[in-house]
Structure formats: C-alpha cells, structure tokens
Amino acid sequence: MPQPSAGSSLSAAPGARTIAALPGAGAVAVWQGTAASLCMMLGGLGVGWMASGSSLIRVPFFIALRDNPVLVVLCTVLVAFGGLLLVRAWLRLEQRVGDWSAVRPAVLYRIAALWCAPLMLTFPLFSRDVYAYIGQGRLMMAGLDPYVNGISALNNYHNLGPDSLWTEAPTPYGPLFLWIEQGIVWLSGGNLEVAIVLFRVVAAVGVALCAVAVVGLARHYGLDPSRTLWLTVANPLFVINFIASIHNDGLMLALLLVGLLAAVRGRPVVAVVLVTLSIGIKPITLIALPFVGLIWAGQNARWGRKVACWAATAGISGGLLAAVGALTGFWFGWLPAMTTSGTVWIWYAPFGLLAATAGAVVQLFSGPGDVVSEAVKTAGRVVGIVAAAWFVLRGTSETIMLRMALAFTAVVVTAAMIQPWYVTWLMAFFALVGVTDGWRLRPYYLVTLFFTVIALTDQLDVFEWIPIVIVRAVAIALSVAFAAYIMLWDWKTRVLFGPGAAMGRVTASR
C-alpha cells in the first residue's frame, strides 16, 4: 500500500473537519488562496459593478471609496493582485500535494468553499450580466416576452445597471432560467442588492452540484476524484466566473454534469430530464443530448439502437421544452434568440478576428464590410456545427466523453465571441476525460492563467470622471507582470511552464 508523500499532509488526520487543522505547506497554499479571494472581495467593493439604482450608491463609505482616484486604483490593485495570487495558490496546491490519492474529496470541497466564500460578499466582478438577469426578471414580472423585448422596454432601465448589449437585445437564455430570474426578482421585492445575493446563492448551488457530479463521474471513469476536483471546482476560473461574476453557466454546467452522471449510472430518462433542465438555463447544452442518447444505447450499439435512443432522447426533451414553452407562452422563442451573442466578436476568437479583419479590409476599398464580416461569422458557426455533428456520429463507445468535449470545443472555438466562462465548461469536460501530468497538464496552466488575466483586465466599474484609461492600464500592467512572474521568474512555479514540467511539479514541492 503506497505511503503518503510529504506533500500529501494536506489530507490531514482522519476526522479532521476544518482546513485550519491541515498541517504542512499544502495548508499554506490553501490559506494563500483564501487571502487572494479576500483581496478580490475588498477590491470589488471599489471597482465591482454597482447599478446607479442601487440603494448603496449613496452610502458615504462607497462614495468615498469610489470617488477617490487613489482608492479606486488601490481597489484595482487588490483585485488584480488577488486574482493572480489565487492562480499561484492553485498551482502551488497541486505541487505540494504530490499524491492526490492521499487526499479525500471532502478536503477539496472545503478548499473550494474557502476560496469562494469571500467573493459571496462583494459586488459583481468582471461582468454585469447579473444586472441583465434582474432586468429580464422584471420583464417577466411585467408580462413582457424577453425573447422579443430587450430590457429597454422597462421604465428607467438604465438604473438597473445592465450592459448596453442587453438593453435592446432579446435574452439568449432558456425558459427555466427566465423562471429563476422572475422568482428572484419577486423574492427580492425589487431590491438590487438582495437580488444579487440570491443570484449568487444560485451560482453557489451550481458549483456545489458540479463538485458532487465531478466526484461521481471521476470515479466512474477511473480518475482520481480529488485531482479532478482540483482541475475543475477548485480552479480559479470556476471561482472567478461562477461566484465573482455570477454567471448562470455554473448552474447550467451543474445540471449537465449531474445528467451525465445519471446516464452513466444507467438512468437514461433521468439523465435526459436533467440535461433538458440544463438546456432550460442555456440552450448551448443541446449539444450534449445526442451523447446522452449514445450512452443510453450502450457500448458497441448498432445504428438502429442508436437512432432509437436518439429519437427517445429528442422526444422526451422536446416534449418537456414544449410543455414549458406552453406554460410560459413563449414556446421556442429561445431558438432565434440564441444568435444574440453572435453579433459581437473578440480578438482571441479566431473567427471573430478573421471576421473583423476581413470586414475592415473590404470596407477600406469601399466594399460591404458588414456583409463580409457577418458572412465569416456565419461560416464559423456552420463549421462548428458540422464538426460537432462529426463527433456525434464518428468514434467509439469508449470515447463518448472525449467526443462530447471536442463537440463543445468545436462550437465554442468557431464562434466570433469566446467568453472566459465558456472555456471553464470545456476545461471541466476535458478534466473528466483524464488529464495526465506533463504536456497534457500544461494547457490547463496556460489557459487558467490567460483567461484569469483576461477577466481581471476586462471590465471594472469606475465613475466616468475618473480616468478609466489609467485604471485599466494599472490592471493590465499588474496582471501581465504577475503572470510573467509566475511563468518566468518564480522559481517554484516557472518549472510548470517549461520543457521539464513533468518533473517540475515534484521538484518544486520539496
């Protein structure tokens, strides 16, 4: 029976109930991550998103914190420093553990909870989508169709704090999430702060369900559950995107993973229902339905069996969605609304950059730049759908989870807009395929670092009379410098990014 390594002291003695009881340097990494989250929480009070209609905007403490350029810059430093310190703590945790088999999953649950808890107590960071959720909930309360009306249909909608993208655009979310939005707005009584707290509770429930599903799926596929939790739920991208930013993707992913767990445990009807609930949050998880059908069909099933299971899957899911559509009166209005996010692009999305470049070049010669740009985006979406269909139809029964991960990746990578939280689901899928040490693990390090920097430098809430250029420059300079330090100069973590990454994890843990 293998003996725990020195780094595996993180597993603690049997019966230990708190992270504080964990001895050794592994516990240092845990508390370092907690300190990082506390920094982000404090900084978020000054640069997190606060709606103009918030009752807190007139509180002297927040006025002083947000009206003083020096304090705004200090809050920006705390957020950027905290975000990258969390990444470093995550890396060091894995280095110090060494032998994940000696660590119980319950320990990872508590670590993730410690890193998430401070961020439950600050303003939304890096995204104001939660204010769009509140606006869409108010549309529902007013009896308006969010698949037809933007938030601008509400009186004084600017006071709700949504991004301008959502003021005219219909919602791309599924009918179940519309009910959640409506329920939270009703429960909050119109109070923005209470609504934010409730949405954060929903996000935390999603993360907790992800943790449970990840452990079950990891055990089914013969993976170490604690290591898989470290790759997913304890990953800084989970903490930042699902708790700090309050994206509904956490709940969407949770329902999908729980559905997949039901599927591999031989409960296909329950699996289809759960995945359909996930579709009811964000319709992108439609991609998973045919893979649930393949799991239902069983290993080495013939095409007749596969088609029958796909038909049953589509029938159950379609029937549930039609029933919900009838209850809301919106039917399948979310199908055309799914293209809302396709109207924007970002520089690190290949088809987004290609569309913008092609459109600009054509427009330079007085051509129809917008038409060309939209044609490139459409071509990207078609390529993604065709690639996803290929992974559904081709491959072995033993690689269904990998094929599903690749199908989602194809759709995400060929989109004109790739948000950091999209990448978070992909990382979860690939973690459940199995990520070994060495070059296969290095992309996890790089992607986590890159998209953390993107989040930290993307959206900060600063009063218009404070130079936003200076504030963002501080965020970018500090984030890039800290990321470079982690990769190039920190003698403990730089070994993870070099050619000897497979040995570096062991060496640096000493």
Protein backbone atom coordinates (compact mmCIF):
# COMPACT_ATOMS: atom_id res chain seq x y z
CA MET A 1 0.00 0.00 0.00
CA PRO A 2 1.61 3.35 -1.06
CA GLN A 3 2.71 5.70 1.70
CA PRO A 4 1.60 9.34 1.52
CA SER A 5 4.28 11.73 0.30
CA ALA A 6 5.44 14.70 2.33
CA GLY A 7 3.24 16.96 0.28
CA SER A 8 0.17 14.85 0.98
CA SER A 9 -0.14 16.20 4.50
CA LEU A 10 -2.99 18.16 3.01
CA SER A 11 -5.17 15.09 3.50
CA ALA A 12 -4.96 15.65 7.28
CA ALA A 13 -5.61 13.11 10.02
CA PRO A 14 -8.85 11.10 9.88
CA GLY A 15 -11.70 13.06 11.34
CA ALA A 16 -10.18 16.48 10.67
CA ARG A 17 -13.06 18.80 9.91
CA THR A 18 -11.57 22.15 9.03
CA ILE A 19 -8.90 23.45 6.71
CA ALA A 20 -7.24 25.04 9.74
CA ALA A 21 -6.47 21.54 11.04
CA LEU A 22 -4.39 20.70 7.97
CA PRO A 23 -0.65 20.74 8.68
CA GLY A 24 2.18 21.28 6.24
CA ALA A 25 2.91 23.57 3.31
CA GLY A 26 -0.19 22.38 1.47
CA ALA A 27 -2.26 24.26 4.01
CA VAL A 28 -0.14 27.36 3.29
CA ALA A 29 -1.30 27.24 -0.34
CA VAL A 30 -4.91 26.91 0.83
CA TRP A 31 -4.67 29.97 3.04
CA GLN A 32 -2.81 31.86 0.34
CA GLY A 33 -5.76 31.26 -1.95
CA THR A 34 -8.15 32.42 0.76
CA ALA A 35 -6.12 35.62 1.20
CA ALA A 36 -6.29 36.09 -2.57
CA SER A 37 -10.08 35.86 -2.53
CA LEU A 38 -10.21 38.32 0.37
CA CYS A 39 -8.13 40.79 -1.68
CA MET A 40 -10.54 40.45 -4.59
CA MET A 41 -13.51 40.87 -2.26
CA LEU A 42 -12.13 44.09 -0.76
CA GLY A 43 -11.13 45.46 -4.15
CA GLY A 44 -14.53 44.58 -5.55
CA LEU A 45 -16.17 46.99 -3.14
CA GLY A 46 -14.46 49.79 -5.06
CA VAL A 47 -14.46 48.57 -8.67
CA GLY A 48 -17.12 45.85 -8.72
CA TRP A 49 -20.30 46.66 -10.63
CA MET A 50 -22.82 48.82 -8.80
CA ALA A 51 -26.02 49.90 -10.57
CA SER A 52 -26.99 53.57 -10.50
CA GLY A 53 -30.29 52.49 -8.97
CA SER A 54 -28.55 50.74 -6.07
CA SER A 55 -29.51 51.87 -2.59
CA LEU A 56 -25.83 51.59 -1.62
CA ILE A 57 -24.64 54.21 -4.09
CA ARG A 58 -25.47 56.96 -1.57
CA VAL A 59 -23.72 55.29 1.37
CA PRO A 60 -20.79 57.54 2.45
CA PHE A 61 -18.35 54.60 2.63
CA PHE A 62 -18.93 53.64 -1.00
CA ILE A 63 -18.96 57.25 -2.14
CA ALA A 64 -15.54 57.77 -0.55
CA LEU A 65 -14.20 54.50 -1.94
CA ARG A 66 -15.39 55.09 -5.49
CA ASP A 67 -14.98 58.87 -5.76
CA ASN A 68 -11.29 58.99 -4.82
CA PRO A 69 -8.97 58.10 -7.74
CA VAL A 70 -6.25 56.85 -5.38
CA LEU A 71 -8.65 54.46 -3.63
CA VAL A 72 -10.04 53.30 -6.97
CA VAL A 73 -6.54 52.43 -8.15
CA LEU A 74 -5.86 50.70 -4.82
CA CYS A 75 -9.02 48.59 -5.26
CA THR A 76 -7.91 47.76 -8.81
CA VAL A 77 -4.53 46.62 -7.49
CA LEU A 78 -6.22 44.44 -4.87
CA VAL A 79 -8.45 42.78 -7.48
CA ALA A 80 -5.65 42.15 -9.99
CA PHE A 81 -3.17 41.01 -7.36
CA GLY A 82 -5.77 38.77 -5.71
CA GLY A 83 -6.77 37.12 -8.98
CA LEU A 84 -3.21 36.14 -9.92
CA LEU A 85 -2.34 35.19 -6.34
CA LEU A 86 -5.28 32.77 -6.49
CA VAL A 87 -3.81 31.20 -9.63
CA ARG A 88 -0.44 30.83 -7.93
CA ALA A 89 -2.06 29.27 -4.85
CA TRP A 90 -3.88 26.81 -7.12
CA LEU A 91 -0.63 25.84 -8.82
CA ARG A 92 1.26 25.52 -5.54
CA LEU A 93 -1.52 23.40 -4.05
CA GLU A 94 -1.01 20.77 -6.72
CA GLN A 95 2.76 20.94 -6.37
CA ARG A 96 2.65 20.44 -2.61
CA VAL A 97 0.13 17.61 -2.68
CA GLY A 98 2.12 15.36 -4.98
CA ASP A 99 -0.01 12.28 -4.33
CA TRP A 100 -3.68 13.11 -4.86
CA SER A 101 -4.78 9.61 -3.86
CA ALA A 102 -3.91 10.54 -0.26
CA VAL A 103 -6.35 13.48 -0.29
CA ARG A 104 -10.05 12.95 0.37
CA PRO A 105 -12.54 14.77 -1.92
CA ALA A 106 -14.10 16.38 1.18
CA VAL A 107 -10.87 18.34 1.66
CA LEU A 108 -11.21 19.78 -1.87
CA TYR A 109 -14.83 20.66 -1.13
CA ARG A 110 -13.69 22.73 1.83
CA ILE A 111 -10.86 24.35 -0.10
CA ALA A 112 -13.24 25.41 -2.89
CA ALA A 113 -15.67 26.74 -0.27
CA LEU A 114 -12.92 28.77 1.43
CA TRP A 115 -11.85 30.30 -1.87
CA CYS A 116 -15.42 31.09 -2.92
CA ALA A 117 -16.78 32.40 0.40
CA PRO A 118 -15.19 35.90 0.41
CA LEU A 119 -16.46 36.56 -3.11
CA MET A 120 -20.04 35.97 -1.97
CA LEU A 121 -19.74 39.29 -0.11
CA THR A 122 -18.70 41.75 -2.80
CA PHE A 123 -20.22 43.45 -5.83
CA PRO A 124 -20.30 41.55 -9.15
CA LEU A 125 -16.80 41.46 -10.62
CA PHE A 126 -15.67 41.41 -14.26
CA SER A 127 -19.22 41.23 -15.62
CA ARG A 128 -22.57 42.90 -15.08
CA ASP A 129 -24.62 40.10 -16.61
CA VAL A 130 -26.38 39.65 -13.27
CA TYR A 131 -27.99 43.05 -13.78
CA ALA A 132 -29.28 41.79 -17.14
CA TYR A 133 -30.74 38.81 -15.26
CA ILE A 134 -32.55 41.22 -12.94
CA GLY A 135 -33.83 43.25 -15.90
CA GLN A 136 -35.09 40.14 -17.66
CA GLY A 137 -36.77 39.03 -14.45
CA ARG A 138 -38.54 42.38 -14.34
CA LEU A 139 -39.64 41.89 -17.94
CA MET A 140 -41.20 38.62 -16.85
CA MET A 141 -42.88 40.31 -13.89
CA ALA A 142 -44.29 42.93 -16.26
CA GLY A 143 -45.75 40.23 -18.53
CA LEU A 144 -43.36 41.03 -21.41
CA ASP A 145 -41.66 38.43 -23.59
CA PRO A 146 -37.84 38.55 -23.03
CA TYR A 147 -37.36 36.74 -26.34
CA VAL A 148 -38.91 39.72 -28.11
CA ASN A 149 -38.21 42.66 -25.82
CA GLY A 150 -34.89 43.98 -24.59
CA ILE A 151 -34.52 45.49 -21.12
CA SER A 152 -35.08 48.92 -22.68
CA ALA A 153 -38.80 48.06 -22.68
CA LEU A 154 -38.75 48.81 -18.92
CA ASN A 155 -39.09 52.29 -17.47
CA ASN A 156 -35.81 53.69 -16.10
CA TYR A 157 -33.98 50.59 -17.27
CA HIS A 158 -30.61 52.38 -17.07
CA ASN A 159 -30.88 52.35 -13.28
CA LEU A 160 -30.79 48.54 -13.32
CA GLY A 161 -27.15 48.56 -14.45
CA PRO A 162 -27.17 46.14 -17.45
CA ASP A 163 -24.60 46.26 -20.22
CA SER A 164 -25.81 48.19 -23.26
CA LEU A 165 -25.70 44.93 -25.25
CA TRP A 166 -28.78 43.73 -23.35
CA THR A 167 -30.80 46.91 -23.47
CA GLU A 168 -32.14 46.19 -26.96
CA ALA A 169 -31.29 42.50 -27.43
CA PRO A 170 -33.58 39.59 -26.53
CA THR A 171 -32.36 37.13 -23.92
CA PRO A 172 -30.41 34.06 -25.12
CA TYR A 173 -31.30 32.06 -22.01
CA GLY A 174 -33.68 29.15 -21.70
CA PRO A 175 -37.18 29.22 -20.17
CA LEU A 176 -36.11 27.65 -16.86
CA PHE A 177 -33.68 30.46 -16.19
CA LEU A 178 -36.39 33.01 -17.01
CA TRP A 179 -38.44 31.50 -14.20
CA ILE A 180 -35.46 31.70 -11.87
CA GLU A 181 -34.96 35.34 -12.83
CA GLN A 182 -38.63 36.10 -12.25
CA GLY A 183 -38.65 34.26 -8.91
CA ILE A 184 -35.58 36.10 -7.63
CA VAL A 185 -36.95 39.50 -8.66
CA TRP A 186 -40.20 38.65 -6.89
CA LEU A 187 -38.42 37.44 -3.74
CA SER A 188 -36.13 40.46 -3.63
CA GLY A 189 -39.04 42.87 -3.79
CA GLY A 190 -37.18 44.95 -6.37
CA ASN A 191 -34.08 45.43 -4.19
CA LEU A 192 -31.00 45.08 -6.39
CA GLU A 193 -28.64 44.03 -3.59
CA VAL A 194 -30.97 41.29 -2.35
CA ALA A 195 -31.40 40.03 -5.93
CA ILE A 196 -27.61 39.88 -6.38
CA VAL A 197 -27.26 37.86 -3.17
CA LEU A 198 -29.94 35.43 -4.34
CA PHE A 199 -28.33 35.01 -7.75
CA ARG A 200 -25.02 34.33 -6.00
CA VAL A 201 -26.71 31.67 -3.89
CA VAL A 202 -27.99 30.05 -7.10
CA ALA A 203 -24.44 30.20 -8.52
CA ALA A 204 -23.03 28.62 -5.34
CA VAL A 205 -25.60 25.82 -5.55
CA GLY A 206 -24.45 25.24 -9.12
CA VAL A 207 -20.81 24.99 -8.06
CA ALA A 208 -21.71 22.59 -5.22
CA LEU A 209 -23.65 20.36 -7.64
CA CYS A 210 -20.69 20.46 -10.05
CA ALA A 211 -18.45 19.21 -7.23
CA VAL A 212 -20.74 16.27 -6.44
CA ALA A 213 -21.13 15.33 -10.11
CA VAL A 214 -17.40 15.63 -10.80
CA VAL A 215 -16.60 13.18 -7.99
CA GLY A 216 -19.17 10.67 -9.26
CA LEU A 217 -18.05 10.92 -12.89
CA ALA A 218 -14.36 10.78 -11.96
CA ARG A 219 -14.91 7.56 -10.04
CA HIS A 220 -16.94 6.08 -12.91
CA TYR A 221 -14.14 6.79 -15.39
CA GLY A 222 -11.40 5.60 -13.05
CA LEU A 223 -9.95 9.05 -12.38
CA ASP A 224 -8.74 10.40 -9.05
CA PRO A 225 -11.72 12.43 -7.72
CA SER A 226 -9.62 14.84 -5.66
CA ARG A 227 -7.33 15.68 -8.56
CA THR A 228 -10.33 16.12 -10.85
CA LEU A 229 -11.88 18.49 -8.30
CA TRP A 230 -8.63 20.46 -8.25
CA LEU A 231 -8.77 20.74 -12.05
CA THR A 232 -12.39 21.91 -12.03
CA VAL A 233 -14.25 23.23 -8.98
CA ALA A 234 -11.12 24.50 -7.18
CA ASN A 235 -9.83 26.07 -10.41
CA PRO A 236 -9.60 29.90 -10.25
CA LEU A 237 -11.74 30.15 -13.39
CA PHE A 238 -14.61 28.40 -11.58
CA VAL A 239 -14.23 30.71 -8.59
CA ILE A 240 -13.98 33.89 -10.67
CA ASN A 241 -16.57 33.21 -13.38
CA PHE A 242 -19.25 31.44 -11.36
CA ILE A 243 -19.01 33.17 -7.96
CA ALA A 244 -17.31 36.55 -8.50
CA SER A 245 -19.02 37.21 -11.85
CA ILE A 246 -22.26 35.30 -11.02
CA HIS A 247 -22.65 33.74 -14.45
CA ASN A 248 -25.52 31.30 -14.85
CA ASP A 249 -23.15 28.90 -16.60
CA GLY A 250 -22.38 27.37 -13.19
CA LEU A 251 -25.93 26.10 -12.83
CA MET A 252 -26.10 25.12 -16.50
CA LEU A 253 -22.91 23.06 -16.19
CA ALA A 254 -24.05 21.52 -12.90
CA LEU A 255 -27.31 20.20 -14.37
CA LEU A 256 -25.46 18.86 -17.39
CA LEU A 257 -22.83 17.05 -15.29
CA VAL A 258 -25.45 15.60 -12.94
CA GLY A 259 -27.36 14.46 -16.02
CA LEU A 260 -24.26 12.76 -17.42
CA LEU A 261 -23.72 11.08 -14.05
CA ALA A 262 -27.28 9.72 -14.17
CA ALA A 263 -26.66 8.50 -17.73
CA VAL A 264 -23.51 6.52 -16.90
CA ARG A 265 -25.26 5.04 -13.86
CA GLY A 266 -27.94 3.54 -16.09
CA ARG A 267 -30.75 6.07 -15.54
CA PRO A 268 -31.21 7.46 -19.07
CA VAL A 269 -34.64 9.04 -18.63
CA VAL A 270 -33.49 10.93 -15.54
CA ALA A 271 -30.38 11.95 -17.48
CA VAL A 272 -32.44 13.36 -20.36
CA VAL A 273 -34.64 15.31 -17.95
CA LEU A 274 -31.61 16.81 -16.17
CA VAL A 275 -29.87 17.74 -19.42
CA THR A 276 -33.12 19.30 -20.61
CA LEU A 277 -33.16 21.39 -17.43
CA SER A 278 -29.62 22.47 -18.34
CA ILE A 279 -30.88 23.47 -21.79
CA GLY A 280 -33.54 25.45 -19.94
CA ILE A 281 -30.73 27.51 -18.43
CA LYS A 282 -28.62 27.99 -21.58
CA PRO A 283 -29.58 26.19 -24.82
CA ILE A 284 -25.95 25.53 -25.79
CA THR A 285 -26.17 22.23 -23.88
CA LEU A 286 -28.38 20.88 -26.66
CA ILE A 287 -25.03 19.59 -27.92
CA ALA A 288 -24.95 17.06 -25.07
CA LEU A 289 -28.30 15.41 -25.86
CA PRO A 290 -27.10 13.09 -28.66
CA PHE A 291 -24.22 11.93 -26.44
CA VAL A 292 -26.70 11.07 -23.69
CA GLY A 293 -28.52 9.06 -26.35
CA LEU A 294 -25.29 7.23 -27.19
CA ILE A 295 -24.70 6.39 -23.52
CA TRP A 296 -28.30 5.14 -23.37
CA ALA A 297 -27.70 2.95 -26.42
CA GLY A 298 -24.78 1.25 -24.68
CA GLN A 299 -21.39 0.08 -25.83
CA ASN A 300 -20.97 -1.13 -29.40
CA ALA A 301 -24.65 -0.44 -30.18
CA ARG A 302 -25.76 -0.81 -33.78
CA TRP A 303 -27.13 2.15 -35.73
CA GLY A 304 -30.72 1.04 -35.27
CA ARG A 305 -30.30 1.08 -31.49
CA LYS A 306 -28.55 4.46 -31.63
CA VAL A 307 -31.28 6.03 -33.75
CA ALA A 308 -33.98 4.66 -31.46
CA CYS A 309 -32.25 6.10 -28.37
CA TRP A 310 -31.70 9.43 -30.13
CA ALA A 311 -35.39 9.53 -31.03
CA ALA A 312 -36.40 8.74 -27.43
CA THR A 313 -33.99 11.38 -26.13
CA ALA A 314 -35.29 14.00 -28.55
CA GLY A 315 -38.90 13.07 -27.80
CA ILE A 316 -38.55 13.36 -24.02
CA SER A 317 -36.50 16.57 -24.18
CA GLY A 318 -38.63 18.17 -26.88
CA GLY A 319 -41.81 17.29 -25.03
CA LEU A 320 -40.54 18.85 -21.80
CA LEU A 321 -39.39 22.01 -23.56
CA ALA A 322 -42.71 22.28 -25.40
CA ALA A 323 -44.59 21.89 -22.10
CA VAL A 324 -42.50 24.64 -20.50
CA GLY A 325 -42.98 26.81 -23.60
CA ALA A 326 -46.73 26.35 -23.35
CA LEU A 327 -46.72 27.29 -19.66
CA THR A 328 -44.72 30.47 -20.27
CA GLY A 329 -46.48 31.27 -23.53
CA PHE A 330 -43.08 31.86 -25.16
CA TRP A 331 -42.85 28.41 -26.77
CA PHE A 332 -39.49 28.06 -28.54
CA GLY A 333 -38.64 31.75 -28.66
CA TRP A 334 -35.17 30.98 -27.34
CA LEU A 335 -34.12 29.33 -30.61
CA PRO A 336 -33.74 32.54 -32.69
CA ALA A 337 -32.57 34.42 -29.60
CA MET A 338 -29.57 32.06 -29.35
CA THR A 339 -27.83 34.07 -32.07
CA THR A 340 -27.75 37.24 -29.93
CA SER A 341 -24.15 36.76 -28.81
CA GLY A 342 -23.07 36.19 -32.44
CA THR A 343 -23.31 39.92 -33.20
CA VAL A 344 -20.11 40.68 -31.26
CA TRP A 345 -16.54 39.43 -31.50
CA ILE A 346 -13.30 39.31 -29.55
CA TRP A 347 -9.69 39.34 -30.68
CA TYR A 348 -8.69 35.91 -29.35
CA ALA A 349 -11.58 34.16 -31.11
CA PRO A 350 -10.15 33.00 -34.49
CA PHE A 351 -13.34 33.56 -36.50
CA GLY A 352 -14.07 36.78 -34.62
CA LEU A 353 -10.66 38.22 -35.51
CA LEU A 354 -10.96 36.95 -39.10
CA ALA A 355 -14.44 38.47 -39.46
CA ALA A 356 -13.34 41.86 -38.14
CA THR A 357 -10.18 41.88 -40.26
CA ALA A 358 -11.94 40.81 -43.46
CA GLY A 359 -14.72 43.35 -42.90
CA ALA A 360 -12.23 46.15 -42.27
CA VAL A 361 -10.20 45.32 -45.39
CA VAL A 362 -13.29 45.18 -47.62
CA GLN A 363 -14.61 48.42 -46.14
CA LEU A 364 -11.24 50.06 -46.80
CA PHE A 365 -11.90 49.54 -50.50
CA SER A 366 -15.49 50.86 -50.16
CA GLY A 367 -16.96 47.37 -50.16
CA PRO A 368 -19.73 45.87 -48.00
CA GLY A 369 -17.59 45.30 -44.90
CA ASP A 370 -20.50 44.44 -42.60
CA VAL A 371 -21.82 41.84 -45.04
CA VAL A 372 -18.41 40.18 -45.35
CA SER A 373 -17.88 40.23 -41.60
CA GLU A 374 -21.25 38.61 -40.94
CA ALA A 375 -20.59 36.02 -43.66
CA VAL A 376 -17.35 34.99 -41.95
CA LYS A 377 -19.14 34.69 -38.58
CA THR A 378 -21.84 32.58 -40.19
CA ALA A 379 -19.21 30.37 -41.83
CA GLY A 380 -17.63 29.87 -38.41
CA ARG A 381 -20.93 28.81 -36.88
CA VAL A 382 -21.53 26.34 -39.74
CA VAL A 383 -18.05 24.86 -39.33
CA GLY A 384 -18.65 24.45 -35.60
CA ILE A 385 -21.99 22.71 -36.08
CA VAL A 386 -20.62 20.39 -38.77
CA ALA A 387 -17.64 19.49 -36.57
CA ALA A 388 -19.91 18.84 -33.59
CA ALA A 389 -22.11 16.57 -35.74
CA TRP A 390 -19.00 14.69 -36.86
CA PHE A 391 -18.04 13.94 -33.24
CA VAL A 392 -21.59 12.74 -32.57
CA LEU A 393 -21.57 10.33 -35.49
CA ARG A 394 -17.97 9.13 -35.52
CA GLY A 395 -15.98 7.46 -32.76
CA THR A 396 -16.07 4.57 -30.34
CA SER A 397 -18.25 3.99 -27.30
CA GLU A 398 -15.20 4.26 -25.04
CA THR A 399 -14.53 7.84 -26.15
CA ILE A 400 -18.00 9.36 -25.76
CA MET A 401 -16.90 11.88 -23.10
CA LEU A 402 -13.93 12.95 -25.23
CA ARG A 403 -16.16 13.27 -28.30
CA MET A 404 -18.59 15.43 -26.34
CA ALA A 405 -15.74 17.63 -25.08
CA LEU A 406 -14.50 18.04 -28.66
CA ALA A 407 -18.01 18.81 -29.95
CA PHE A 408 -18.46 21.61 -27.41
CA THR A 409 -14.94 22.85 -28.18
CA ALA A 410 -15.69 22.99 -31.90
CA VAL A 411 -18.78 25.14 -31.33
CA VAL A 412 -17.01 27.45 -28.87
CA VAL A 413 -13.77 27.89 -30.84
CA THR A 414 -15.56 28.69 -34.12
CA ALA A 415 -17.76 31.35 -32.51
CA ALA A 416 -16.98 35.02 -33.02
CA MET A 417 -17.15 35.60 -29.27
CA ILE A 418 -15.39 33.35 -26.76
CA GLN A 419 -16.09 34.34 -23.19
CA PRO A 420 -13.80 33.13 -20.36
CA TRP A 421 -16.68 31.25 -18.76
CA TYR A 422 -17.21 29.23 -21.95
CA VAL A 423 -13.67 27.91 -21.58
CA THR A 424 -14.45 26.93 -17.98
CA TRP A 425 -17.00 24.32 -19.12
CA LEU A 426 -14.58 22.95 -21.71
CA MET A 427 -11.92 22.53 -19.02
CA ALA A 428 -14.42 20.61 -16.90
CA PHE A 429 -15.26 18.25 -19.79
CA PHE A 430 -11.60 17.54 -20.58
CA ALA A 431 -10.80 17.00 -16.90
CA LEU A 432 -13.36 14.18 -16.94
CA VAL A 433 -11.64 12.66 -19.95
CA GLY A 434 -8.45 12.45 -17.91
CA VAL A 435 -5.54 14.89 -17.83
CA THR A 436 -2.17 13.30 -17.14
CA ASP A 437 0.98 15.08 -15.99
CA GLY A 438 3.42 16.72 -18.38
CA TRP A 439 2.43 18.36 -21.65
CA ARG A 440 -1.25 17.45 -21.25
CA LEU A 441 -1.46 19.37 -17.99
CA ARG A 442 0.42 22.43 -19.23
CA PRO A 443 -2.50 23.73 -21.33
CA TYR A 444 -4.57 23.77 -18.13
CA TYR A 445 -1.98 26.01 -16.50
CA LEU A 446 -1.75 28.30 -19.54
CA VAL A 447 -5.49 28.56 -20.16
CA THR A 448 -6.20 29.25 -16.48
CA LEU A 449 -3.54 31.96 -16.38
CA PHE A 450 -4.56 33.54 -19.70
CA PHE A 451 -8.28 33.74 -19.02
CA THR A 452 -7.73 34.94 -15.47
CA VAL A 453 -5.73 37.85 -16.90
CA ILE A 454 -8.49 38.47 -19.46
CA ALA A 455 -11.10 38.61 -16.67
CA LEU A 456 -9.03 40.87 -14.43
CA THR A 457 -8.45 43.43 -17.17
CA ASP A 458 -11.78 43.32 -18.99
CA GLN A 459 -14.49 45.12 -17.01
CA LEU A 460 -14.13 47.39 -14.00
CA ASP A 461 -16.83 49.77 -12.74
CA VAL A 462 -15.32 53.25 -12.46
CA PHE A 463 -17.12 56.61 -12.21
CA GLU A 464 -16.96 58.47 -15.52
CA TRP A 465 -14.95 61.38 -14.10
CA ILE A 466 -12.12 59.04 -13.06
CA PRO A 467 -9.72 58.30 -15.97
CA ILE A 468 -10.67 54.74 -16.91
CA VAL A 469 -7.60 54.53 -19.17
CA ILE A 470 -5.31 54.91 -16.16
CA VAL A 471 -7.28 52.42 -14.07
CA ARG A 472 -7.29 49.80 -16.82
CA ALA A 473 -3.61 50.42 -17.51
CA VAL A 474 -2.87 49.63 -13.86
CA ALA A 475 -4.96 46.43 -14.06
CA ILE A 476 -3.27 45.32 -17.29
CA ALA A 477 0.27 46.17 -16.17
CA LEU A 478 -0.07 44.42 -12.80
CA SER A 479 -1.85 41.36 -14.23
CA VAL A 480 0.63 40.86 -17.06
CA ALA A 481 3.60 41.44 -14.75
CA PHE A 482 2.31 38.95 -12.14
CA ALA A 483 1.50 36.39 -14.85
CA ALA A 484 5.01 36.79 -16.28
CA TYR A 485 6.45 36.37 -12.79
CA ILE A 486 4.54 33.11 -12.29
CA MET A 487 5.68 31.75 -15.65
CA LEU A 488 9.24 33.06 -15.91
CA TRP A 489 10.74 34.17 -12.59
CA ASP A 490 9.03 32.44 -9.65
CA TRP A 491 11.41 29.50 -9.11
CA LYS A 492 8.60 27.42 -7.59
CA THR A 493 6.04 27.80 -10.40
CA ARG A 494 8.09 28.54 -13.51
CA VAL A 495 9.07 24.87 -13.78
CA LEU A 496 5.43 24.09 -14.59
CA PHE A 497 5.60 26.07 -17.83
CA GLY A 498 8.95 24.87 -19.17
CA PRO A 499 10.05 21.73 -21.05
CA GLY A 500 10.57 19.85 -17.79
CA ALA A 501 7.03 20.42 -16.49
CA ALA A 502 6.51 16.75 -15.70
CA MET A 503 9.45 16.76 -13.26
CA GLY A 504 8.92 20.34 -12.14
CA ARG A 505 5.78 19.50 -10.19
CA VAL A 506 7.69 17.07 -7.99
CA THR A 507 10.86 19.13 -7.67
CA ALA A 508 9.11 22.36 -6.69
CA SER A 509 7.10 20.61 -3.98
CA ARG A 510 10.20 19.96 -1.95
